[in-house]
Amino acid sequence: MDYRLEVLVIPVADVDRAKEFYKGLGWREDADFATGPDFRVVQLTPPGSPAAVIFGKNVTSAAPGSAQDMMLVVDDIEAARADLAGRGVAVSGVFHDAGGVFHHAGTQARVDGPAPDRASYGSFVSFDDPDGNGWVVQEVTTRLPGR
């Protein structure tokens, strides 16, 4: 049995503001449906991703901004940072983790600059959407075996 992650629901306070933010990142709008004044679903997909995000009105009981450490993967972290900054996103500088395995929660243990020797899985940038939902972008250039 395959279990494919295809949709991530994120909590937002202002649906239209969130929609414009994510569309401003170049994400494709897949759907925007309302069945009345109390229910609306918006779905957008990042470029090159098989998975999408959904947000809207009454689609989750989670507090706006409470989704953290959602991951996006890119081939070139410097190019991704430049793209995000060019779109007006307040994006962090490139960093790697002091422990060298994965990034810690929040900003603790961040070391400025890419991972030593630009090791795959080791370099990151981060940004938040207008509600404070936190994204981490990870550079993956060579996949681990089985991936």
C-alpha atoms as a PDB file:
ATOM      1  CA  MET A   1       0.000   0.000   0.000  1.00  0.00           C
ATOM      2  CA  ASP A   2       1.441   3.364  -1.007  1.00  0.00           C
ATOM      3  CA  TYR A   3       0.735   6.358   1.222  1.00  0.00           C
ATOM      4  CA  ARG A   4       1.466   9.513  -0.719  1.00  0.00           C
ATOM      5  CA  LEU A   5       1.665  12.863   1.010  1.00  0.00           C
ATOM      6  CA  GLU A   6      -0.220  15.124  -1.369  1.00  0.00           C
ATOM      7  CA  VAL A   7      -1.738  17.925   0.712  1.00  0.00           C
ATOM      8  CA  LEU A   8      -0.663  19.880   3.764  1.00  0.00           C
ATOM      9  CA  VAL A   9      -3.289  22.028   5.516  1.00  0.00           C
ATOM     10  CA  ILE A  10      -1.928  25.281   6.914  1.00  0.00           C
ATOM     11  CA  PRO A  11      -3.780  27.650   9.242  1.00  0.00           C
ATOM     12  CA  VAL A  12      -4.179  31.270   8.127  1.00  0.00           C
ATOM     13  CA  ALA A  13      -6.125  34.250   9.425  1.00  0.00           C
ATOM     14  CA  ASP A  14      -6.725  36.034   6.113  1.00  0.00           C
ATOM     15  CA  VAL A  15      -7.372  33.723   3.165  1.00  0.00           C
ATOM     16  CA  ASP A  16      -6.939  36.360   0.458  1.00  0.00           C
ATOM     17  CA  ARG A  17      -3.679  37.650   1.962  1.00  0.00           C
ATOM     18  CA  ALA A  18      -2.301  34.097   2.173  1.00  0.00           C
ATOM     19  CA  LYS A  19      -3.401  33.355  -1.384  1.00  0.00           C
ATOM     20  CA  GLU A  20      -1.616  36.422  -2.734  1.00  0.00           C
ATOM     21  CA  PHE A  21       1.539  35.603  -0.730  1.00  0.00           C
ATOM     22  CA  TYR A  22       1.806  32.037  -2.033  1.00  0.00           C
ATOM     23  CA  LYS A  23       0.894  33.023  -5.592  1.00  0.00           C
ATOM     24  CA  GLY A  24       3.624  35.671  -5.276  1.00  0.00           C
ATOM     25  CA  LEU A  25       6.058  32.810  -4.642  1.00  0.00           C
ATOM     26  CA  GLY A  26       5.123  31.439  -8.046  1.00  0.00           C
ATOM     27  CA  TRP A  27       2.913  28.683  -6.667  1.00  0.00           C
ATOM     28  CA  ARG A  28       0.173  27.411  -8.996  1.00  0.00           C
ATOM     29  CA  GLU A  29      -3.431  27.994  -7.968  1.00  0.00           C
ATOM     30  CA  ASP A  30      -5.258  24.673  -8.229  1.00  0.00           C
ATOM     31  CA  ALA A  31      -8.539  25.550  -6.567  1.00  0.00           C
ATOM     32  CA  ASP A  32     -10.494  28.260  -4.796  1.00  0.00           C
ATOM     33  CA  PHE A  33     -13.914  27.007  -3.753  1.00  0.00           C
ATOM     34  CA  ALA A  34     -16.467  28.474  -1.369  1.00  0.00           C
ATOM     35  CA  THR A  35     -19.686  26.686  -0.485  1.00  0.00           C
ATOM     36  CA  GLY A  36     -21.055  29.660   1.420  1.00  0.00           C
ATOM     37  CA  PRO A  37     -19.880  32.479   3.663  1.00  0.00           C
ATOM     38  CA  ASP A  38     -18.486  30.077   6.299  1.00  0.00           C
ATOM     39  CA  PHE A  39     -16.403  27.668   4.216  1.00  0.00           C
ATOM     40  CA  ARG A  40     -13.684  28.267   1.640  1.00  0.00           C
ATOM     41  CA  VAL A  41     -10.814  26.086   0.415  1.00  0.00           C
ATOM     42  CA  VAL A  42      -7.798  27.366  -1.521  1.00  0.00           C
ATOM     43  CA  GLN A  43      -5.168  24.972  -2.880  1.00  0.00           C
ATOM     44  CA  LEU A  44      -1.793  25.980  -4.301  1.00  0.00           C
ATOM     45  CA  THR A  45       1.169  23.883  -5.426  1.00  0.00           C
ATOM     46  CA  PRO A  46       4.847  24.880  -5.309  1.00  0.00           C
ATOM     47  CA  PRO A  47       6.674  24.659  -8.653  1.00  0.00           C
ATOM     48  CA  GLY A  48       7.889  21.103  -9.298  1.00  0.00           C
ATOM     49  CA  SER A  49       6.085  19.645  -6.284  1.00  0.00           C
ATOM     50  CA  PRO A  50       3.699  16.689  -6.290  1.00  0.00           C
ATOM     51  CA  ALA A  51       2.268  17.985  -2.984  1.00  0.00           C
ATOM     52  CA  ALA A  52       0.107  21.042  -2.430  1.00  0.00           C
ATOM     53  CA  VAL A  53      -1.007  23.242   0.451  1.00  0.00           C
ATOM     54  CA  ILE A  54      -4.598  23.959   1.400  1.00  0.00           C
ATOM     55  CA  PHE A  55      -5.832  26.807   3.540  1.00  0.00           C
ATOM     56  CA  GLY A  56      -9.100  28.629   3.843  1.00  0.00           C
ATOM     57  CA  LYS A  57     -11.984  29.403   6.113  1.00  0.00           C
ATOM     58  CA  ASN A  58     -12.999  26.642   8.536  1.00  0.00           C
ATOM     59  CA  VAL A  59     -10.667  24.015   7.041  1.00  0.00           C
ATOM     60  CA  THR A  60      -8.596  23.579  10.225  1.00  0.00           C
ATOM     61  CA  SER A  61      -8.997  24.376  13.897  1.00  0.00           C
ATOM     62  CA  ALA A  62      -5.264  25.068  14.286  1.00  0.00           C
ATOM     63  CA  ALA A  63      -4.272  28.603  15.233  1.00  0.00           C
ATOM     64  CA  PRO A  64      -3.062  30.795  12.350  1.00  0.00           C
ATOM     65  CA  GLY A  65       0.722  30.755  12.198  1.00  0.00           C
ATOM     66  CA  SER A  66       1.084  27.560  14.223  1.00  0.00           C
ATOM     67  CA  ALA A  67       2.496  25.396  11.404  1.00  0.00           C
ATOM     68  CA  GLN A  68       6.278  25.347  11.721  1.00  0.00           C
ATOM     69  CA  ASP A  69       9.277  23.745  10.014  1.00  0.00           C
ATOM     70  CA  MET A  70       7.443  22.767   6.848  1.00  0.00           C
ATOM     71  CA  MET A  71      10.069  21.665   4.343  1.00  0.00           C
ATOM     72  CA  LEU A  72      10.658  22.550   0.741  1.00  0.00           C
ATOM     73  CA  VAL A  73      13.572  20.954  -1.143  1.00  0.00           C
ATOM     74  CA  VAL A  74      15.672  22.615  -3.839  1.00  0.00           C
ATOM     75  CA  ASP A  75      18.736  21.762  -5.907  1.00  0.00           C
ATOM     76  CA  ASP A  76      20.497  25.092  -5.256  1.00  0.00           C
ATOM     77  CA  ILE A  77      20.029  26.880  -1.935  1.00  0.00           C
ATOM     78  CA  GLU A  78      21.710  30.115  -3.071  1.00  0.00           C
ATOM     79  CA  ALA A  79      19.456  30.338  -6.132  1.00  0.00           C
ATOM     80  CA  ALA A  80      16.389  29.594  -3.989  1.00  0.00           C
ATOM     81  CA  ARG A  81      17.337  32.311  -1.526  1.00  0.00           C
ATOM     82  CA  ALA A  82      17.843  34.800  -4.355  1.00  0.00           C
ATOM     83  CA  ASP A  83      14.477  33.831  -5.869  1.00  0.00           C
ATOM     84  CA  LEU A  84      12.623  34.278  -2.576  1.00  0.00           C
ATOM     85  CA  ALA A  85      14.330  37.592  -1.824  1.00  0.00           C
ATOM     86  CA  GLY A  86      13.592  38.764  -5.366  1.00  0.00           C
ATOM     87  CA  ARG A  87       9.903  38.077  -4.714  1.00  0.00           C
ATOM     88  CA  GLY A  88      10.005  40.315  -1.637  1.00  0.00           C
ATOM     89  CA  VAL A  89      10.088  37.522   0.941  1.00  0.00           C
ATOM     90  CA  ALA A  90      11.954  38.166   4.193  1.00  0.00           C
ATOM     91  CA  VAL A  91      14.191  35.110   3.896  1.00  0.00           C
ATOM     92  CA  SER A  92      17.044  34.151   6.208  1.00  0.00           C
ATOM     93  CA  GLY A  93      20.608  33.880   5.085  1.00  0.00           C
ATOM     94  CA  VAL A  94      21.899  30.461   4.110  1.00  0.00           C
ATOM     95  CA  PHE A  95      22.740  28.424   7.206  1.00  0.00           C
ATOM     96  CA  HIS A  96      23.698  24.961   8.323  1.00  0.00           C
ATOM     97  CA  ASP A  97      23.226  23.293  11.682  1.00  0.00           C
ATOM     98  CA  ALA A  98      25.986  23.112  14.266  1.00  0.00           C
ATOM     99  CA  GLY A  99      25.192  19.411  14.762  1.00  0.00           C
ATOM    100  CA  GLY A 100      25.431  18.709  11.051  1.00  0.00           C
ATOM    101  CA  VAL A 101      22.506  16.301  10.848  1.00  0.00           C
ATOM    102  CA  PHE A 102      19.305  18.336  10.547  1.00  0.00           C
ATOM    103  CA  HIS A 103      18.271  21.815  11.595  1.00  0.00           C
ATOM    104  CA  HIS A 104      17.195  22.412  15.184  1.00  0.00           C
ATOM    105  CA  ALA A 105      13.819  23.957  16.015  1.00  0.00           C
ATOM    106  CA  GLY A 106      13.626  27.710  15.787  1.00  0.00           C
ATOM    107  CA  THR A 107      16.935  29.439  15.204  1.00  0.00           C
ATOM    108  CA  GLN A 108      19.101  27.658  17.746  1.00  0.00           C
ATOM    109  CA  ALA A 109      22.324  26.008  16.556  1.00  0.00           C
ATOM    110  CA  ARG A 110      22.299  27.843  13.220  1.00  0.00           C
ATOM    111  CA  VAL A 111      25.700  28.503  11.701  1.00  0.00           C
ATOM    112  CA  ASP A 112      25.944  31.119   8.957  1.00  0.00           C
ATOM    113  CA  GLY A 113      26.781  29.835   5.498  1.00  0.00           C
ATOM    114  CA  PRO A 114      26.202  26.597   3.634  1.00  0.00           C
ATOM    115  CA  ALA A 115      27.157  23.202   5.024  1.00  0.00           C
ATOM    116  CA  PRO A 116      30.855  22.365   4.903  1.00  0.00           C
ATOM    117  CA  ASP A 117      31.762  21.072   1.445  1.00  0.00           C
ATOM    118  CA  ARG A 118      28.161  21.971   0.488  1.00  0.00           C
ATOM    119  CA  ALA A 119      27.058  18.526   1.689  1.00  0.00           C
ATOM    120  CA  SER A 120      23.665  17.424   0.412  1.00  0.00           C
ATOM    121  CA  TYR A 121      20.841  17.797   2.972  1.00  0.00           C
ATOM    122  CA  GLY A 122      22.947  20.238   4.994  1.00  0.00           C
ATOM    123  CA  SER A 123      22.172  23.797   3.826  1.00  0.00           C
ATOM    124  CA  PHE A 124      19.001  25.723   4.587  1.00  0.00           C
ATOM    125  CA  VAL A 125      17.149  29.031   4.435  1.00  0.00           C
ATOM    126  CA  SER A 126      13.919  29.854   6.221  1.00  0.00           C
ATOM    127  CA  PHE A 127      10.994  32.214   5.853  1.00  0.00           C
ATOM    128  CA  ASP A 128       7.515  32.793   7.274  1.00  0.00           C
ATOM    129  CA  ASP A 129       4.225  33.492   5.554  1.00  0.00           C
ATOM    130  CA  PRO A 130       2.227  36.571   6.655  1.00  0.00           C
ATOM    131  CA  ASP A 131       0.609  34.609   9.503  1.00  0.00           C
ATOM    132  CA  GLY A 132       3.921  33.291  10.838  1.00  0.00           C
ATOM    133  CA  ASN A 133       3.681  29.758   9.449  1.00  0.00           C
ATOM    134  CA  GLY A 134       7.322  28.743   9.149  1.00  0.00           C
ATOM    135  CA  TRP A 135       9.006  27.222   6.112  1.00  0.00           C
ATOM    136  CA  VAL A 136      12.481  25.736   5.830  1.00  0.00           C
ATOM    137  CA  VAL A 137      14.106  25.250   2.441  1.00  0.00           C
ATOM    138  CA  GLN A 138      16.705  22.479   2.277  1.00  0.00           C
ATOM    139  CA  GLU A 139      19.295  21.886  -0.420  1.00  0.00           C
ATOM    140  CA  VAL A 140      19.413  18.284  -1.654  1.00  0.00           C
ATOM    141  CA  THR A 141      21.861  17.586  -4.433  1.00  0.00           C
ATOM    142  CA  THR A 142      22.438  13.848  -3.954  1.00  0.00           C
ATOM    143  CA  ARG A 143      19.725  11.691  -2.460  1.00  0.00           C
ATOM    144  CA  LEU A 144      20.358   9.135   0.241  1.00  0.00           C
ATOM    145  CA  PRO A 145      20.104   5.488  -0.884  1.00  0.00           C
ATOM    146  CA  GLY A 146      16.537   4.351  -1.393  1.00  0.00           C
ATOM    147  CA  ARG A 147      15.271   7.849  -2.018  1.00  0.00           C
END
